[in-house]
Amino acid sequence: MAIQIKTKDELDKAIQNGKVIVDFWATWCGPCIMMGEKIESELLPKAPDVKIAKINVDEAPELAAEFGILSIPALFCFVDGKKRAEFIGVTDVSDLLAALQ
């Protein structure tokens, strides 16, 4: 399940419980589109309980700045509000799943 995040409050609520991947991306970013497709077609069928919190860096620059985003896609894995891992660039789905365990 993917949700669009635009504010810090929305993000805090999204990562509070369960397994969440925060995906910093942009519409003009080819690797971001590729990563989004991998998440939809490969990750979610294997782990339907994972929430995907998508943050468009052009629409939420303050969140991108808070996380120190310099390159996208940037993926942060959270379990019950605690950051487990972060990845920059197109990432293998098995690495994302391992970080959520």
PDB file of N, CA and C in Angstrom:
ATOM      1  N   MET A   1       0.851  -1.175   0.000  1.00  0.00           N
ATOM      2  CA  MET A   1       0.000   0.000   0.000  1.00  0.00           C
ATOM      3  C   MET A   1       0.896   1.236   0.000  1.00  0.00           C
ATOM      4  N   ALA A   2       0.698   2.119  -0.963  1.00  0.00           N
ATOM      5  CA  ALA A   2       1.486   3.348  -1.045  1.00  0.00           C
ATOM      6  C   ALA A   2       0.628   4.543  -0.636  1.00  0.00           C
ATOM      7  N   ILE A   3       1.232   5.412   0.160  1.00  0.00           N
ATOM      8  CA  ILE A   3       0.560   6.648   0.566  1.00  0.00           C
ATOM      9  C   ILE A   3       1.476   7.820   0.239  1.00  0.00           C
ATOM     10  N   GLN A   4       0.875   8.925  -0.150  1.00  0.00           N
ATOM     11  CA  GLN A   4       1.624  10.142  -0.457  1.00  0.00           C
ATOM     12  C   GLN A   4       1.785  10.948   0.830  1.00  0.00           C
ATOM     13  N   ILE A   5       3.007  11.373   1.097  1.00  0.00           N
ATOM     14  CA  ILE A   5       3.324  12.133   2.305  1.00  0.00           C
ATOM     15  C   ILE A   5       3.797  13.523   1.891  1.00  0.00           C
ATOM     16  N   LYS A   6       3.246  14.548   2.558  1.00  0.00           N
ATOM     17  CA  LYS A   6       3.673  15.915   2.244  1.00  0.00           C
ATOM     18  C   LYS A   6       4.099  16.705   3.473  1.00  0.00           C
ATOM     19  N   THR A   7       3.794  16.196   4.680  1.00  0.00           N
ATOM     20  CA  THR A   7       4.140  16.937   5.893  1.00  0.00           C
ATOM     21  C   THR A   7       4.843  16.033   6.901  1.00  0.00           C
ATOM     22  N   LYS A   8       5.531  16.650   7.836  1.00  0.00           N
ATOM     23  CA  LYS A   8       6.214  15.915   8.904  1.00  0.00           C
ATOM     24  C   LYS A   8       5.210  15.128   9.744  1.00  0.00           C
ATOM     25  N   ASP A   9       4.052  15.730  10.028  1.00  0.00           N
ATOM     26  CA  ASP A   9       3.030  15.032  10.812  1.00  0.00           C
ATOM     27  C   ASP A   9       2.541  13.784  10.097  1.00  0.00           C
ATOM     28  N   GLU A  10       2.311  13.882   8.789  1.00  0.00           N
ATOM     29  CA  GLU A  10       1.882  12.712   8.015  1.00  0.00           C
ATOM     30  C   GLU A  10       2.948  11.616   8.060  1.00  0.00           C
ATOM     31  N   LEU A  11       4.209  12.018   7.951  1.00  0.00           N
ATOM     32  CA  LEU A  11       5.294  11.050   7.978  1.00  0.00           C
ATOM     33  C   LEU A  11       5.395  10.380   9.348  1.00  0.00           C
ATOM     34  N   ASP A  12       5.342  11.181  10.401  1.00  0.00           N
ATOM     35  CA  ASP A  12       5.419  10.622  11.752  1.00  0.00           C
ATOM     36  C   ASP A  12       4.313   9.599  11.995  1.00  0.00           C
ATOM     37  N   LYS A  13       3.121   9.905  11.539  1.00  0.00           N
ATOM     38  CA  LYS A  13       1.990   8.980  11.702  1.00  0.00           C
ATOM     39  C   LYS A  13       2.204   7.705  10.871  1.00  0.00           C
ATOM     40  N   ALA A  14       2.726   7.859   9.656  1.00  0.00           N
ATOM     41  CA  ALA A  14       2.906   6.718   8.755  1.00  0.00           C
ATOM     42  C   ALA A  14       3.929   5.717   9.276  1.00  0.00           C
ATOM     43  N   ILE A  15       5.019   6.212   9.890  1.00  0.00           N
ATOM     44  CA  ILE A  15       6.088   5.294  10.313  1.00  0.00           C
ATOM     45  C   ILE A  15       5.908   4.771  11.733  1.00  0.00           C
ATOM     46  N   GLN A  16       4.909   5.250  12.429  1.00  0.00           N
ATOM     47  CA  GLN A  16       4.715   4.918  13.840  1.00  0.00           C
ATOM     48  C   GLN A  16       4.574   3.417  14.103  1.00  0.00           C
ATOM     49  N   ASN A  17       3.802   2.736  13.273  1.00  0.00           N
ATOM     50  CA  ASN A  17       3.530   1.310  13.485  1.00  0.00           C
ATOM     51  C   ASN A  17       3.786   0.508  12.222  1.00  0.00           C
ATOM     52  N   GLY A  18       4.284  -0.699  12.419  1.00  0.00           N
ATOM     53  CA  GLY A  18       4.455  -1.625  11.315  1.00  0.00           C
ATOM     54  C   GLY A  18       5.730  -1.394  10.529  1.00  0.00           C
ATOM     55  N   LYS A  19       5.787  -2.070   9.380  1.00  0.00           N
ATOM     56  CA  LYS A  19       6.947  -2.002   8.492  1.00  0.00           C
ATOM     57  C   LYS A  19       6.660  -0.971   7.407  1.00  0.00           C
ATOM     58  N   VAL A  20       7.571   0.003   7.274  1.00  0.00           N
ATOM     59  CA  VAL A  20       7.358   1.107   6.342  1.00  0.00           C
ATOM     60  C   VAL A  20       8.640   1.389   5.573  1.00  0.00           C
ATOM     61  N   ILE A  21       8.497   1.589   4.280  1.00  0.00           N
ATOM     62  CA  ILE A  21       9.589   2.086   3.455  1.00  0.00           C
ATOM     63  C   ILE A  21       9.226   3.504   3.052  1.00  0.00           C
ATOM     64  N   VAL A  22      10.077   4.458   3.424  1.00  0.00           N
ATOM     65  CA  VAL A  22       9.898   5.850   3.026  1.00  0.00           C
ATOM     66  C   VAL A  22      10.714   6.031   1.753  1.00  0.00           C
ATOM     67  N   ASP A  23      10.035   6.409   0.680  1.00  0.00           N
ATOM     68  CA  ASP A  23      10.633   6.516  -0.651  1.00  0.00           C
ATOM     69  C   ASP A  23      10.663   7.981  -1.073  1.00  0.00           C
ATOM     70  N   PHE A  24      11.866   8.602  -1.040  1.00  0.00           N
ATOM     71  CA  PHE A  24      12.040   9.958  -1.556  1.00  0.00           C
ATOM     72  C   PHE A  24      12.288   9.847  -3.054  1.00  0.00           C
ATOM     73  N   TRP A  25      11.491  10.567  -3.843  1.00  0.00           N
ATOM     74  CA  TRP A  25      11.539  10.412  -5.288  1.00  0.00           C
ATOM     75  C   TRP A  25      11.114  11.724  -5.958  1.00  0.00           C
ATOM     76  N   ALA A  26      11.142  11.733  -7.292  1.00  0.00           N
ATOM     77  CA  ALA A  26      10.638  12.858  -8.085  1.00  0.00           C
ATOM     78  C   ALA A  26      10.113  12.319  -9.413  1.00  0.00           C
ATOM     79  N   THR A  27       9.172  13.036  -9.997  1.00  0.00           N
ATOM     80  CA  THR A  27       8.551  12.591 -11.248  1.00  0.00           C
ATOM     81  C   THR A  27       9.530  12.585 -12.417  1.00  0.00           C
ATOM     82  N   TRP A  28      10.544  13.435 -12.365  1.00  0.00           N
ATOM     83  CA  TRP A  28      11.516  13.569 -13.453  1.00  0.00           C
ATOM     84  C   TRP A  28      12.704  12.607 -13.330  1.00  0.00           C
ATOM     85  N   CYS A  29      12.720  11.816 -12.277  1.00  0.00           N
ATOM     86  CA  CYS A  29      13.858  10.936 -11.958  1.00  0.00           C
ATOM     87  C   CYS A  29      13.606   9.524 -12.494  1.00  0.00           C
ATOM     88  N   GLY A  30      14.324   9.151 -13.546  1.00  0.00           N
ATOM     89  CA  GLY A  30      14.167   7.819 -14.139  1.00  0.00           C
ATOM     90  C   GLY A  30      14.421   6.687 -13.163  1.00  0.00           C
ATOM     91  N   PRO A  31      15.536   6.708 -12.414  1.00  0.00           N
ATOM     92  CA  PRO A  31      15.774   5.640 -11.441  1.00  0.00           C
ATOM     93  C   PRO A  31      14.684   5.572 -10.364  1.00  0.00           C
ATOM     94  N   CYS A  32      14.087   6.724 -10.017  1.00  0.00           N
ATOM     95  CA  CYS A  32      12.993   6.726  -9.030  1.00  0.00           C
ATOM     96  C   CYS A  32      11.782   5.971  -9.567  1.00  0.00           C
ATOM     97  N   ILE A  33      11.465   6.213 -10.828  1.00  0.00           N
ATOM     98  CA  ILE A  33      10.331   5.518 -11.460  1.00  0.00           C
ATOM     99  C   ILE A  33      10.612   4.018 -11.499  1.00  0.00           C
ATOM    100  N   MET A  34      11.845   3.660 -11.865  1.00  0.00           N
ATOM    101  CA  MET A  34      12.227   2.247 -11.911  1.00  0.00           C
ATOM    102  C   MET A  34      12.097   1.602 -10.530  1.00  0.00           C
ATOM    103  N   MET A  35      12.563   2.304  -9.491  1.00  0.00           N
ATOM    104  CA  MET A  35      12.477   1.760  -8.132  1.00  0.00           C
ATOM    105  C   MET A  35      11.026   1.614  -7.711  1.00  0.00           C
ATOM    106  N   GLY A  36      10.197   2.592  -8.023  1.00  0.00           N
ATOM    107  CA  GLY A  36       8.776   2.506  -7.702  1.00  0.00           C
ATOM    108  C   GLY A  36       8.123   1.291  -8.335  1.00  0.00           C
ATOM    109  N   GLU A  37       8.497   1.013  -9.582  1.00  0.00           N
ATOM    110  CA  GLU A  37       7.942  -0.156 -10.279  1.00  0.00           C
ATOM    111  C   GLU A  37       8.414  -1.457  -9.631  1.00  0.00           C
ATOM    112  N   LYS A  38       9.692  -1.503  -9.205  1.00  0.00           N
ATOM    113  CA  LYS A  38      10.207  -2.695  -8.522  1.00  0.00           C
ATOM    114  C   LYS A  38       9.472  -2.924  -7.203  1.00  0.00           C
ATOM    115  N   ILE A  39       9.208  -1.853  -6.489  1.00  0.00           N
ATOM    116  CA  ILE A  39       8.487  -1.977  -5.215  1.00  0.00           C
ATOM    117  C   ILE A  39       7.092  -2.541  -5.469  1.00  0.00           C
ATOM    118  N   GLU A  40       6.398  -1.970  -6.453  1.00  0.00           N
ATOM    119  CA  GLU A  40       5.028  -2.408  -6.754  1.00  0.00           C
ATOM    120  C   GLU A  40       4.982  -3.850  -7.264  1.00  0.00           C
ATOM    121  N   SER A  41       5.881  -4.211  -8.168  1.00  0.00           N
ATOM    122  CA  SER A  41       5.777  -5.526  -8.818  1.00  0.00           C
ATOM    123  C   SER A  41       6.517  -6.644  -8.089  1.00  0.00           C
ATOM    124  N   GLU A  42       7.580  -6.310  -7.336  1.00  0.00           N
ATOM    125  CA  GLU A  42       8.380  -7.350  -6.691  1.00  0.00           C
ATOM    126  C   GLU A  42       8.230  -7.384  -5.170  1.00  0.00           C
ATOM    127  N   LEU A  43       8.282  -6.223  -4.532  1.00  0.00           N
ATOM    128  CA  LEU A  43       8.283  -6.201  -3.067  1.00  0.00           C
ATOM    129  C   LEU A  43       6.889  -6.417  -2.482  1.00  0.00           C
ATOM    130  N   LEU A  44       5.929  -5.646  -2.925  1.00  0.00           N
ATOM    131  CA  LEU A  44       4.596  -5.730  -2.311  1.00  0.00           C
ATOM    132  C   LEU A  44       3.930  -7.095  -2.465  1.00  0.00           C
ATOM    133  N   PRO A  45       4.108  -7.808  -3.591  1.00  0.00           N
ATOM    134  CA  PRO A  45       3.534  -9.162  -3.643  1.00  0.00           C
ATOM    135  C   PRO A  45       4.147 -10.106  -2.600  1.00  0.00           C
ATOM    136  N   LYS A  46       5.427  -9.902  -2.260  1.00  0.00           N
ATOM    137  CA  LYS A  46       6.096 -10.749  -1.270  1.00  0.00           C
ATOM    138  C   LYS A  46       5.815 -10.293   0.161  1.00  0.00           C
ATOM    139  N   ALA A  47       5.535  -9.007   0.336  1.00  0.00           N
ATOM    140  CA  ALA A  47       5.343  -8.450   1.682  1.00  0.00           C
ATOM    141  C   ALA A  47       4.191  -7.442   1.658  1.00  0.00           C
ATOM    142  N   PRO A  48       2.951  -7.941   1.534  1.00  0.00           N
ATOM    143  CA  PRO A  48       1.809  -7.035   1.411  1.00  0.00           C
ATOM    144  C   PRO A  48       1.538  -6.194   2.662  1.00  0.00           C
ATOM    145  N   ASP A  49       2.162  -6.555   3.786  1.00  0.00           N
ATOM    146  CA  ASP A  49       1.966  -5.793   5.022  1.00  0.00           C
ATOM    147  C   ASP A  49       2.850  -4.549   5.089  1.00  0.00           C
ATOM    148  N   VAL A  50       3.778  -4.396   4.163  1.00  0.00           N
ATOM    149  CA  VAL A  50       4.677  -3.238   4.150  1.00  0.00           C
ATOM    150  C   VAL A  50       3.945  -2.031   3.575  1.00  0.00           C
ATOM    151  N   LYS A  51       4.056  -0.899   4.292  1.00  0.00           N
ATOM    152  CA  LYS A  51       3.508   0.368   3.794  1.00  0.00           C
ATOM    153  C   LYS A  51       4.622   1.108   3.061  1.00  0.00           C
ATOM    154  N   ILE A  52       4.267   1.764   1.978  1.00  0.00           N
ATOM    155  CA  ILE A  52       5.210   2.588   1.233  1.00  0.00           C
ATOM    156  C   ILE A  52       4.769   4.035   1.386  1.00  0.00           C
ATOM    157  N   ALA A  53       5.626   4.838   1.994  1.00  0.00           N
ATOM    158  CA  ALA A  53       5.348   6.262   2.183  1.00  0.00           C
ATOM    159  C   ALA A  53       6.167   7.015   1.145  1.00  0.00           C
ATOM    160  N   LYS A  54       5.499   7.530   0.119  1.00  0.00           N
ATOM    161  CA  LYS A  54       6.188   8.198  -0.976  1.00  0.00           C
ATOM    162  C   LYS A  54       6.233   9.704  -0.728  1.00  0.00           C
ATOM    163  N   ILE A  55       7.445  10.262  -0.815  1.00  0.00           N
ATOM    164  CA  ILE A  55       7.642  11.694  -0.618  1.00  0.00           C
ATOM    165  C   ILE A  55       8.285  12.270  -1.872  1.00  0.00           C
ATOM    166  N   ASN A  56       7.523  13.085  -2.588  1.00  0.00           N
ATOM    167  CA  ASN A  56       8.042  13.764  -3.769  1.00  0.00           C
ATOM    168  C   ASN A  56       8.901  14.932  -3.285  1.00  0.00           C
ATOM    169  N   VAL A  57      10.198  14.898  -3.590  1.00  0.00           N
ATOM    170  CA  VAL A  57      11.114  15.918  -3.078  1.00  0.00           C
ATOM    171  C   VAL A  57      10.786  17.320  -3.588  1.00  0.00           C
ATOM    172  N   ASP A  58      10.119  17.409  -4.729  1.00  0.00           N
ATOM    173  CA  ASP A  58       9.727  18.717  -5.260  1.00  0.00           C
ATOM    174  C   ASP A  58       8.525  19.289  -4.512  1.00  0.00           C
ATOM    175  N   GLU A  59       7.688  18.428  -3.966  1.00  0.00           N
ATOM    176  CA  GLU A  59       6.488  18.868  -3.246  1.00  0.00           C
ATOM    177  C   GLU A  59       6.720  18.991  -1.745  1.00  0.00           C
ATOM    178  N   ALA A  60       7.768  18.359  -1.229  1.00  0.00           N
ATOM    179  CA  ALA A  60       8.056  18.403   0.210  1.00  0.00           C
ATOM    180  C   ALA A  60       9.554  18.623   0.434  1.00  0.00           C
ATOM    181  N   PRO A  61      10.078  19.761  -0.026  1.00  0.00           N
ATOM    182  CA  PRO A  61      11.522  19.992   0.107  1.00  0.00           C
ATOM    183  C   PRO A  61      12.001  20.066   1.554  1.00  0.00           C
ATOM    184  N   GLU A  62      11.118  20.476   2.471  1.00  0.00           N
ATOM    185  CA  GLU A  62      11.528  20.550   3.871  1.00  0.00           C
ATOM    186  C   GLU A  62      11.767  19.163   4.456  1.00  0.00           C
ATOM    187  N   LEU A  63      10.985  18.169   4.046  1.00  0.00           N
ATOM    188  CA  LEU A  63      11.216  16.794   4.510  1.00  0.00           C
ATOM    189  C   LEU A  63      12.504  16.242   3.912  1.00  0.00           C
ATOM    190  N   ALA A  64      12.739  16.536   2.638  1.00  0.00           N
ATOM    191  CA  ALA A  64      13.975  16.092   2.000  1.00  0.00           C
ATOM    192  C   ALA A  64      15.182  16.691   2.711  1.00  0.00           C
ATOM    193  N   ALA A  65      15.098  17.963   3.061  1.00  0.00           N
ATOM    194  CA  ALA A  65      16.194  18.624   3.767  1.00  0.00           C
ATOM    195  C   ALA A  65      16.400  18.016   5.158  1.00  0.00           C
ATOM    196  N   GLU A  66      15.308  17.732   5.841  1.00  0.00           N
ATOM    197  CA  GLU A  66      15.394  17.148   7.181  1.00  0.00           C
ATOM    198  C   GLU A  66      16.105  15.802   7.166  1.00  0.00           C
ATOM    199  N   PHE A  67      15.877  15.016   6.115  1.00  0.00           N
ATOM    200  CA  PHE A  67      16.511  13.703   5.988  1.00  0.00           C
ATOM    201  C   PHE A  67      17.877  13.779   5.302  1.00  0.00           C
ATOM    202  N   GLY A  68      18.283  14.985   4.892  1.00  0.00           N
ATOM    203  CA  GLY A  68      19.588  15.151   4.252  1.00  0.00           C
ATOM    204  C   GLY A  68      19.666  14.534   2.871  1.00  0.00           C
ATOM    205  N   ILE A  69      18.564  14.558   2.151  1.00  0.00           N
ATOM    206  CA  ILE A  69      18.513  13.920   0.836  1.00  0.00           C
ATOM    207  C   ILE A  69      19.322  14.733  -0.177  1.00  0.00           C
ATOM    208  N   LEU A  70      20.344  14.114  -0.745  1.00  0.00           N
ATOM    209  CA  LEU A  70      21.153  14.730  -1.788  1.00  0.00           C
ATOM    210  C   LEU A  70      21.015  13.988  -3.115  1.00  0.00           C
ATOM    211  N   SER A  71      20.624  12.724  -3.057  1.00  0.00           N
ATOM    212  CA  SER A  71      20.431  11.887  -4.240  1.00  0.00           C
ATOM    213  C   SER A  71      19.143  11.103  -4.081  1.00  0.00           C
ATOM    214  N   ILE A  72      18.476  10.874  -5.203  1.00  0.00           N
ATOM    215  CA  ILE A  72      17.252  10.075  -5.193  1.00  0.00           C
ATOM    216  C   ILE A  72      17.358   9.011  -6.271  1.00  0.00           C
ATOM    217  N   PRO A  73      16.642   7.896  -6.126  1.00  0.00           N
ATOM    218  CA  PRO A  73      15.769   7.572  -5.013  1.00  0.00           C
ATOM    219  C   PRO A  73      16.557   7.324  -3.728  1.00  0.00           C
ATOM    220  N   ALA A  74      15.938   7.712  -2.636  1.00  0.00           N
ATOM    221  CA  ALA A  74      16.479   7.441  -1.306  1.00  0.00           C
ATOM    222  C   ALA A  74      15.397   6.710  -0.530  1.00  0.00           C
ATOM    223  N   LEU A  75      15.752   5.564   0.007  1.00  0.00           N
ATOM    224  CA  LEU A  75      14.783   4.697   0.679  1.00  0.00           C
ATOM    225  C   LEU A  75      15.201   4.482   2.131  1.00  0.00           C
ATOM    226  N   PHE A  76      14.264   4.704   3.043  1.00  0.00           N
ATOM    227  CA  PHE A  76      14.496   4.519   4.467  1.00  0.00           C
ATOM    228  C   PHE A  76      13.537   3.450   4.970  1.00  0.00           C
ATOM    229  N   CYS A  77      14.060   2.449   5.659  1.00  0.00           N
ATOM    230  CA  CYS A  77      13.242   1.355   6.176  1.00  0.00           C
ATOM    231  C   CYS A  77      13.016   1.556   7.669  1.00  0.00           C
ATOM    232  N   PHE A  78      11.749   1.546   8.071  1.00  0.00           N
ATOM    233  CA  PHE A  78      11.363   1.709   9.470  1.00  0.00           C
ATOM    234  C   PHE A  78      10.542   0.509   9.928  1.00  0.00           C
ATOM    235  N   VAL A  79      10.738   0.110  11.166  1.00  0.00           N
ATOM    236  CA  VAL A  79       9.893  -0.893  11.801  1.00  0.00           C
ATOM    237  C   VAL A  79       9.446  -0.298  13.132  1.00  0.00           C
ATOM    238  N   ASP A  80       8.132  -0.126  13.268  1.00  0.00           N
ATOM    239  CA  ASP A  80       7.541   0.452  14.482  1.00  0.00           C
ATOM    240  C   ASP A  80       8.224   1.754  14.906  1.00  0.00           C
ATOM    241  N   GLY A  81       8.467   2.628  13.917  1.00  0.00           N
ATOM    242  CA  GLY A  81       9.015   3.946  14.181  1.00  0.00           C
ATOM    243  C   GLY A  81      10.521   4.034  14.303  1.00  0.00           C
ATOM    244  N   LYS A  82      11.212   2.904  14.257  1.00  0.00           N
ATOM    245  CA  LYS A  82      12.668   2.910  14.384  1.00  0.00           C
ATOM    246  C   LYS A  82      13.313   2.661  13.016  1.00  0.00           C
ATOM    247  N   LYS A  83      14.258   3.536  12.645  1.00  0.00           N
ATOM    248  CA  LYS A  83      14.939   3.375  11.360  1.00  0.00           C
ATOM    249  C   LYS A  83      15.865   2.175  11.425  1.00  0.00           C
ATOM    250  N   ARG A  84      15.711   1.279  10.458  1.00  0.00           N
ATOM    251  CA  ARG A  84      16.534   0.074  10.384  1.00  0.00           C
ATOM    252  C   ARG A  84      17.639   0.189   9.342  1.00  0.00           C
ATOM    253  N   ALA A  85      17.366   0.917   8.238  1.00  0.00           N
ATOM    254  CA  ALA A  85      18.350   1.000   7.160  1.00  0.00           C
ATOM    255  C   ALA A  85      17.978   2.126   6.219  1.00  0.00           C
ATOM    256  N   GLU A  86      18.967   2.532   5.420  1.00  0.00           N
ATOM    257  CA  GLU A  86      18.694   3.482   4.350  1.00  0.00           C
ATOM    258  C   GLU A  86      19.502   3.085   3.123  1.00  0.00           C
ATOM    259  N   PHE A  87      18.941   3.349   1.971  1.00  0.00           N
ATOM    260  CA  PHE A  87      19.547   2.978   0.695  1.00  0.00           C
ATOM    261  C   PHE A  87      19.427   4.156  -0.268  1.00  0.00           C
ATOM    262  N   ILE A  88      20.451   4.352  -1.071  1.00  0.00           N
ATOM    263  CA  ILE A  88      20.437   5.390  -2.098  1.00  0.00           C
ATOM    264  C   ILE A  88      20.546   4.701  -3.448  1.00  0.00           C
ATOM    265  N   GLY A  89      19.709   5.116  -4.392  1.00  0.00           N
ATOM    266  CA  GLY A  89      19.729   4.539  -5.733  1.00  0.00           C
ATOM    267  C   GLY A  89      18.799   3.345  -5.842  1.00  0.00           C
ATOM    268  N   VAL A  90      18.765   2.786  -7.043  1.00  0.00           N
ATOM    269  CA  VAL A  90      17.928   1.609  -7.280  1.00  0.00           C
ATOM    270  C   VAL A  90      18.493   0.469  -6.436  1.00  0.00           C
ATOM    271  N   THR A  91      17.637  -0.113  -5.614  1.00  0.00           N
ATOM    272  CA  THR A  91      18.059  -1.092  -4.605  1.00  0.00           C
ATOM    273  C   THR A  91      17.379  -2.432  -4.852  1.00  0.00           C
ATOM    274  N   ASP A  92      18.102  -3.497  -4.585  1.00  0.00           N
ATOM    275  CA  ASP A  92      17.539  -4.832  -4.733  1.00  0.00           C
ATOM    276  C   ASP A  92      16.439  -5.053  -3.695  1.00  0.00           C
ATOM    277  N   VAL A  93      15.340  -5.600  -4.128  1.00  0.00           N
ATOM    278  CA  VAL A  93      14.187  -5.834  -3.244  1.00  0.00           C
ATOM    279  C   VAL A  93      14.570  -6.727  -2.065  1.00  0.00           C
ATOM    280  N   SER A  94      15.444  -7.688  -2.276  1.00  0.00           N
ATOM    281  CA  SER A  94      15.841  -8.571  -1.174  1.00  0.00           C
ATOM    282  C   SER A  94      16.546  -7.785  -0.065  1.00  0.00           C
ATOM    283  N   ASP A  95      17.297  -6.743  -0.418  1.00  0.00           N
ATOM    284  CA  ASP A  95      17.944  -5.904   0.595  1.00  0.00           C
ATOM    285  C   ASP A  95      16.909  -5.133   1.405  1.00  0.00           C
ATOM    286  N   LEU A  96      15.892  -4.628   0.748  1.00  0.00           N
ATOM    287  CA  LEU A  96      14.824  -3.908   1.454  1.00  0.00           C
ATOM    288  C   LEU A  96      14.087  -4.847   2.397  1.00  0.00           C
ATOM    289  N   LEU A  97      13.754  -6.027   1.913  1.00  0.00           N
ATOM    290  CA  LEU A  97      13.027  -6.984   2.752  1.00  0.00           C
ATOM    291  C   LEU A  97      13.868  -7.406   3.964  1.00  0.00           C
ATOM    292  N   ALA A  98      15.165  -7.615   3.755  1.00  0.00           N
ATOM    293  CA  ALA A  98      16.050  -8.007   4.854  1.00  0.00           C
ATOM    294  C   ALA A  98      16.111  -6.905   5.915  1.00  0.00           C
ATOM    295  N   ALA A  99      16.095  -5.655   5.485  1.00  0.00           N
ATOM    296  CA  ALA A  99      16.171  -4.533   6.428  1.00  0.00           C
ATOM    297  C   ALA A  99      14.915  -4.423   7.288  1.00  0.00           C
ATOM    298  N   LEU A 100      13.811  -4.958   6.808  1.00  0.00           N
ATOM    299  CA  LEU A 100      12.547  -4.872   7.531  1.00  0.00           C
ATOM    300  C   LEU A 100      12.315  -6.023   8.496  1.00  0.00           C
ATOM    301  N   GLN A 101      13.228  -6.974   8.539  1.00  0.00           N
ATOM    302  CA  GLN A 101      13.080  -8.141   9.427  1.00  0.00           C
ATOM    303  C   GLN A 101      13.497  -7.832  10.832  1.00  0.00           C
TER     304      GLN A 101
END
